[in-house]
């Protein structure tokens, strides 16, 4: 059980139920991660809306997006985000050796091309808090100015979400083992 309650729609004041509805509409359901965020309905709703943009509407190709997300989850040591997005990364064609390299923190060594570039970009941002010019330029050439900002914001959103879920001690859903 998390340190805060899992908020259901009917527990929110009527004027705040729009946040629950928006999350359900964009993701098909309101999972425990968002149920905890909705303890602060306005902030949780806005945070979820930001996440909706970077995940579903940003200018980053889906495969690179999922690589960035699992890298952010790994760097935050977060089971919940990692486990949810490892499956999604596989659906985008990310192979076991690439996933294992990120899980084992050996990546970007052994990765090639765009996979190596996006993982290097995310790791530099999250571990050194800056990005080398060569790393930045590689991704900027691939994604353009809008895409590079969307990538940075995607990484920061998922890293922040991972730390938020750890702060409230959100556990894996019953019957869902961690793959981290």
C-alpha atoms as a PDB file:
ATOM      1  CA  UNK A   1       0.000   0.000   0.000  1.00  0.00           C
ATOM      2  CA  UNK A   2       1.236   3.451  -0.874  1.00  0.00           C
ATOM      3  CA  UNK A   3       1.789   6.130   1.767  1.00  0.00           C
ATOM      4  CA  UNK A   4      -1.168   8.063   0.333  1.00  0.00           C
ATOM      5  CA  UNK A   5      -4.610   6.764  -0.693  1.00  0.00           C
ATOM      6  CA  UNK A   6      -5.519   5.652  -4.188  1.00  0.00           C
ATOM      7  CA  UNK A   7      -8.030   8.326  -5.134  1.00  0.00           C
ATOM      8  CA  UNK A   8     -11.145   7.229  -6.994  1.00  0.00           C
ATOM      9  CA  UNK A   9     -13.245   9.553  -9.141  1.00  0.00           C
ATOM     10  CA  UNK A  10     -16.126   9.726  -6.675  1.00  0.00           C
ATOM     11  CA  UNK A  11     -13.733  10.863  -3.918  1.00  0.00           C
ATOM     12  CA  UNK A  12     -12.849  14.020  -5.828  1.00  0.00           C
ATOM     13  CA  UNK A  13     -14.898  17.198  -5.590  1.00  0.00           C
ATOM     14  CA  UNK A  14     -17.104  17.511  -8.699  1.00  0.00           C
ATOM     15  CA  UNK A  15     -14.996  20.361 -10.097  1.00  0.00           C
ATOM     16  CA  UNK A  16     -11.850  18.182  -9.859  1.00  0.00           C
ATOM     17  CA  UNK A  17     -13.311  15.028 -11.452  1.00  0.00           C
ATOM     18  CA  UNK A  18     -12.265  16.390 -14.857  1.00  0.00           C
ATOM     19  CA  UNK A  19      -8.681  15.441 -14.004  1.00  0.00           C
ATOM     20  CA  UNK A  20      -9.624  11.823 -13.369  1.00  0.00           C
ATOM     21  CA  UNK A  21     -11.675  11.784 -16.576  1.00  0.00           C
ATOM     22  CA  UNK A  22      -8.835  13.286 -18.613  1.00  0.00           C
ATOM     23  CA  UNK A  23      -6.359  10.681 -17.371  1.00  0.00           C
ATOM     24  CA  UNK A  24      -8.829   7.863 -18.085  1.00  0.00           C
ATOM     25  CA  UNK A  25      -9.497   9.273 -21.544  1.00  0.00           C
ATOM     26  CA  UNK A  26      -5.852   9.535 -22.539  1.00  0.00           C
ATOM     27  CA  UNK A  27      -4.667   6.247 -21.061  1.00  0.00           C
ATOM     28  CA  UNK A  28      -7.771   4.057 -21.045  1.00  0.00           C
ATOM     29  CA  UNK A  29      -7.796   3.853 -17.246  1.00  0.00           C
ATOM     30  CA  UNK A  30      -6.520   5.576 -14.123  1.00  0.00           C
ATOM     31  CA  UNK A  31      -3.818   3.351 -12.690  1.00  0.00           C
ATOM     32  CA  UNK A  32      -2.460   3.403  -9.161  1.00  0.00           C
ATOM     33  CA  UNK A  33       0.332   5.788 -10.169  1.00  0.00           C
ATOM     34  CA  UNK A  34      -2.185   8.459 -11.173  1.00  0.00           C
ATOM     35  CA  UNK A  35      -4.552   7.610  -8.324  1.00  0.00           C
ATOM     36  CA  UNK A  36      -1.783   8.620  -5.922  1.00  0.00           C
ATOM     37  CA  UNK A  37      -1.058  11.839  -7.846  1.00  0.00           C
ATOM     38  CA  UNK A  38      -4.733  12.797  -7.590  1.00  0.00           C
ATOM     39  CA  UNK A  39      -4.362  13.350  -3.840  1.00  0.00           C
ATOM     40  CA  UNK A  40      -3.494  16.812  -5.151  1.00  0.00           C
ATOM     41  CA  UNK A  41      -6.091  16.926  -7.928  1.00  0.00           C
ATOM     42  CA  UNK A  42      -5.063  20.123  -9.681  1.00  0.00           C
ATOM     43  CA  UNK A  43      -1.319  19.434  -9.588  1.00  0.00           C
ATOM     44  CA  UNK A  44      -1.779  15.726 -10.329  1.00  0.00           C
ATOM     45  CA  UNK A  45      -4.077  16.494 -13.237  1.00  0.00           C
ATOM     46  CA  UNK A  46      -1.706  19.040 -14.721  1.00  0.00           C
ATOM     47  CA  UNK A  47       1.254  16.706 -14.254  1.00  0.00           C
ATOM     48  CA  UNK A  48      -0.671  13.906 -15.981  1.00  0.00           C
ATOM     49  CA  UNK A  49      -1.612  16.260 -18.840  1.00  0.00           C
ATOM     50  CA  UNK A  50       2.063  17.134 -19.284  1.00  0.00           C
ATOM     51  CA  UNK A  51       2.844  13.404 -19.347  1.00  0.00           C
ATOM     52  CA  UNK A  52       0.111  12.850 -21.925  1.00  0.00           C
ATOM     53  CA  UNK A  53       1.746  15.408 -24.194  1.00  0.00           C
ATOM     54  CA  UNK A  54       5.299  14.084 -23.948  1.00  0.00           C
ATOM     55  CA  UNK A  55       4.233  10.447 -24.247  1.00  0.00           C
ATOM     56  CA  UNK A  56       1.521  10.613 -26.889  1.00  0.00           C
ATOM     57  CA  UNK A  57       2.023  13.851 -28.817  1.00  0.00           C
ATOM     58  CA  UNK A  58       5.698  14.845 -28.653  1.00  0.00           C
ATOM     59  CA  UNK A  59       7.968  14.741 -31.704  1.00  0.00           C
ATOM     60  CA  UNK A  60      10.075  11.769 -30.636  1.00  0.00           C
ATOM     61  CA  UNK A  61       9.738   8.454 -32.511  1.00  0.00           C
ATOM     62  CA  UNK A  62       8.038   5.771 -30.398  1.00  0.00           C
ATOM     63  CA  UNK A  63      11.082   3.476 -30.164  1.00  0.00           C
ATOM     64  CA  UNK A  64      13.356   6.292 -29.012  1.00  0.00           C
ATOM     65  CA  UNK A  65      10.673   7.486 -26.614  1.00  0.00           C
ATOM     66  CA  UNK A  66      10.480   4.085 -24.922  1.00  0.00           C
ATOM     67  CA  UNK A  67      14.274   3.793 -24.758  1.00  0.00           C
ATOM     68  CA  UNK A  68      14.440   7.199 -23.067  1.00  0.00           C
ATOM     69  CA  UNK A  69      11.661   6.231 -20.646  1.00  0.00           C
ATOM     70  CA  UNK A  70      13.225   2.964 -19.523  1.00  0.00           C
ATOM     71  CA  UNK A  71      16.566   4.707 -19.171  1.00  0.00           C
ATOM     72  CA  UNK A  72      14.952   7.355 -16.952  1.00  0.00           C
ATOM     73  CA  UNK A  73      13.205   4.634 -14.927  1.00  0.00           C
ATOM     74  CA  UNK A  74      16.461   2.706 -14.518  1.00  0.00           C
ATOM     75  CA  UNK A  75      18.417   5.753 -13.452  1.00  0.00           C
ATOM     76  CA  UNK A  76      15.728   6.407 -10.811  1.00  0.00           C
ATOM     77  CA  UNK A  77      15.654   2.696  -9.810  1.00  0.00           C
ATOM     78  CA  UNK A  78      11.892   2.667 -10.248  1.00  0.00           C
ATOM     79  CA  UNK A  79      10.228  -0.742 -10.702  1.00  0.00           C
ATOM     80  CA  UNK A  80       6.784   0.615 -11.558  1.00  0.00           C
ATOM     81  CA  UNK A  81       7.764   2.810 -14.511  1.00  0.00           C
ATOM     82  CA  UNK A  82      10.390   0.317 -15.708  1.00  0.00           C
ATOM     83  CA  UNK A  83       8.022  -2.659 -15.685  1.00  0.00           C
ATOM     84  CA  UNK A  84       5.235  -0.792 -17.484  1.00  0.00           C
ATOM     85  CA  UNK A  85       7.542   0.573 -20.162  1.00  0.00           C
ATOM     86  CA  UNK A  86       9.788  -2.444 -20.670  1.00  0.00           C
ATOM     87  CA  UNK A  87       6.770  -4.137 -22.275  1.00  0.00           C
ATOM     88  CA  UNK A  88       6.073  -1.054 -24.390  1.00  0.00           C
ATOM     89  CA  UNK A  89       9.731  -0.892 -25.460  1.00  0.00           C
ATOM     90  CA  UNK A  90       9.519  -4.509 -26.628  1.00  0.00           C
ATOM     91  CA  UNK A  91       6.393  -3.615 -28.615  1.00  0.00           C
ATOM     92  CA  UNK A  92       8.500  -0.970 -30.388  1.00  0.00           C
ATOM     93  CA  UNK A  93      11.092  -3.571 -31.355  1.00  0.00           C
ATOM     94  CA  UNK A  94      13.629  -2.968 -28.597  1.00  0.00           C
ATOM     95  CA  UNK A  95      15.490  -6.249 -28.177  1.00  0.00           C
ATOM     96  CA  UNK A  96      16.403  -8.162 -25.035  1.00  0.00           C
ATOM     97  CA  UNK A  97      20.130  -7.328 -25.325  1.00  0.00           C
ATOM     98  CA  UNK A  98      19.337  -3.595 -25.467  1.00  0.00           C
ATOM     99  CA  UNK A  99      16.877  -3.804 -22.559  1.00  0.00           C
ATOM    100  CA  UNK A 100      19.362  -5.848 -20.526  1.00  0.00           C
ATOM    101  CA  UNK A 101      22.156  -3.353 -21.227  1.00  0.00           C
ATOM    102  CA  UNK A 102      19.981  -0.557 -19.850  1.00  0.00           C
ATOM    103  CA  UNK A 103      18.851  -2.687 -16.895  1.00  0.00           C
ATOM    104  CA  UNK A 104      22.448  -3.686 -16.111  1.00  0.00           C
ATOM    105  CA  UNK A 105      23.709  -0.128 -16.598  1.00  0.00           C
ATOM    106  CA  UNK A 106      26.204  -1.085 -19.277  1.00  0.00           C
ATOM    107  CA  UNK A 107      24.439   0.945 -21.984  1.00  0.00           C
ATOM    108  CA  UNK A 108      25.166   2.828 -24.144  1.00  0.00           C
ATOM    109  CA  UNK A 109      28.220   0.551 -24.522  1.00  0.00           C
ATOM    110  CA  UNK A 110      27.296  -2.238 -26.918  1.00  0.00           C
ATOM    111  CA  UNK A 111      24.385  -0.298 -28.433  1.00  0.00           C
ATOM    112  CA  UNK A 112      24.430   1.130 -31.931  1.00  0.00           C
ATOM    113  CA  UNK A 113      22.964   4.029 -33.854  1.00  0.00           C
ATOM    114  CA  UNK A 114      19.888   5.778 -32.530  1.00  0.00           C
ATOM    115  CA  UNK A 115      19.573   3.374 -29.589  1.00  0.00           C
ATOM    116  CA  UNK A 116      23.024   4.333 -28.320  1.00  0.00           C
ATOM    117  CA  UNK A 117      22.445   8.017 -29.022  1.00  0.00           C
ATOM    118  CA  UNK A 118      19.189   8.334 -27.075  1.00  0.00           C
ATOM    119  CA  UNK A 119      20.392   6.254 -24.127  1.00  0.00           C
ATOM    120  CA  UNK A 120      23.629   8.273 -23.973  1.00  0.00           C
ATOM    121  CA  UNK A 121      21.595  11.492 -24.102  1.00  0.00           C
ATOM    122  CA  UNK A 122      19.293  10.404 -21.252  1.00  0.00           C
ATOM    123  CA  UNK A 123      22.116   9.052 -19.086  1.00  0.00           C
ATOM    124  CA  UNK A 124      24.219  12.176 -19.475  1.00  0.00           C
ATOM    125  CA  UNK A 125      21.268  14.377 -18.538  1.00  0.00           C
ATOM    126  CA  UNK A 126      20.312  12.266 -15.534  1.00  0.00           C
ATOM    127  CA  UNK A 127      23.746  11.366 -14.189  1.00  0.00           C
ATOM    128  CA  UNK A 128      25.939  14.377 -14.970  1.00  0.00           C
ATOM    129  CA  UNK A 129      23.100  16.928 -15.223  1.00  0.00           C
ATOM    130  CA  UNK A 130      24.424  18.219 -18.518  1.00  0.00           C
ATOM    131  CA  UNK A 131      24.729  16.909 -22.063  1.00  0.00           C
ATOM    132  CA  UNK A 132      27.956  16.923 -24.058  1.00  0.00           C
ATOM    133  CA  UNK A 133      27.835  18.991 -27.235  1.00  0.00           C
ATOM    134  CA  UNK A 134      28.417  15.953 -29.449  1.00  0.00           C
ATOM    135  CA  UNK A 135      25.614  14.019 -27.743  1.00  0.00           C
ATOM    136  CA  UNK A 136      23.217  16.953 -27.967  1.00  0.00           C
ATOM    137  CA  UNK A 137      24.077  17.673 -31.607  1.00  0.00           C
ATOM    138  CA  UNK A 138      23.525  14.050 -32.631  1.00  0.00           C
ATOM    139  CA  UNK A 139      20.000  14.011 -31.220  1.00  0.00           C
ATOM    140  CA  UNK A 140      19.239  17.550 -32.402  1.00  0.00           C
ATOM    141  CA  UNK A 141      20.135  16.560 -35.965  1.00  0.00           C
ATOM    142  CA  UNK A 142      17.856  13.532 -35.670  1.00  0.00           C
ATOM    143  CA  UNK A 143      14.888  15.265 -33.989  1.00  0.00           C
ATOM    144  CA  UNK A 144      15.158  18.986 -34.764  1.00  0.00           C
ATOM    145  CA  UNK A 145      14.683  21.763 -32.230  1.00  0.00           C
ATOM    146  CA  UNK A 146      11.118  20.846 -31.218  1.00  0.00           C
ATOM    147  CA  UNK A 147      11.976  17.157 -31.004  1.00  0.00           C
ATOM    148  CA  UNK A 148      15.040  17.743 -28.844  1.00  0.00           C
ATOM    149  CA  UNK A 149      12.973  19.769 -26.382  1.00  0.00           C
ATOM    150  CA  UNK A 150      10.275  17.092 -26.396  1.00  0.00           C
ATOM    151  CA  UNK A 151      12.948  14.476 -25.646  1.00  0.00           C
ATOM    152  CA  UNK A 152      14.380  16.482 -22.748  1.00  0.00           C
ATOM    153  CA  UNK A 153      10.906  17.046 -21.298  1.00  0.00           C
ATOM    154  CA  UNK A 154       9.988  13.361 -21.766  1.00  0.00           C
ATOM    155  CA  UNK A 155      13.077  12.258 -19.845  1.00  0.00           C
ATOM    156  CA  UNK A 156      12.480  14.761 -17.070  1.00  0.00           C
ATOM    157  CA  UNK A 157       8.769  13.863 -16.799  1.00  0.00           C
ATOM    158  CA  UNK A 158       9.439  10.149 -16.382  1.00  0.00           C
ATOM    159  CA  UNK A 159      12.340  10.702 -14.021  1.00  0.00           C
ATOM    160  CA  UNK A 160      10.159  12.987 -11.907  1.00  0.00           C
ATOM    161  CA  UNK A 161       7.250  10.529 -12.025  1.00  0.00           C
ATOM    162  CA  UNK A 162       9.563   7.710 -10.945  1.00  0.00           C
ATOM    163  CA  UNK A 163      10.836   9.683  -7.959  1.00  0.00           C
ATOM    164  CA  UNK A 164       7.308  10.753  -7.015  1.00  0.00           C
ATOM    165  CA  UNK A 165       6.143   7.134  -7.014  1.00  0.00           C
ATOM    166  CA  UNK A 166       9.133   6.153  -4.877  1.00  0.00           C
ATOM    167  CA  UNK A 167       8.416   8.948  -2.405  1.00  0.00           C
ATOM    168  CA  UNK A 168       4.899   7.610  -1.830  1.00  0.00           C
ATOM    169  CA  UNK A 169       6.185   4.010  -1.894  1.00  0.00           C
ATOM    170  CA  UNK A 170       3.864   2.917  -4.680  1.00  0.00           C
ATOM    171  CA  UNK A 171       4.096  -0.844  -4.964  1.00  0.00           C
ATOM    172  CA  UNK A 172       3.691  -2.976  -8.037  1.00  0.00           C
ATOM    173  CA  UNK A 173       0.063  -3.970  -8.692  1.00  0.00           C
ATOM    174  CA  UNK A 174      -0.919  -7.357  -7.259  1.00  0.00           C
ATOM    175  CA  UNK A 175       0.163 -10.137  -9.592  1.00  0.00           C
ATOM    176  CA  UNK A 176       2.600  -7.938 -11.512  1.00  0.00           C
ATOM    177  CA  UNK A 177       6.205  -8.827 -10.757  1.00  0.00           C
ATOM    178  CA  UNK A 178       8.902  -6.236 -11.214  1.00  0.00           C
ATOM    179  CA  UNK A 179      11.073  -6.799 -14.257  1.00  0.00           C
ATOM    180  CA  UNK A 180      13.755  -4.417 -13.025  1.00  0.00           C
END
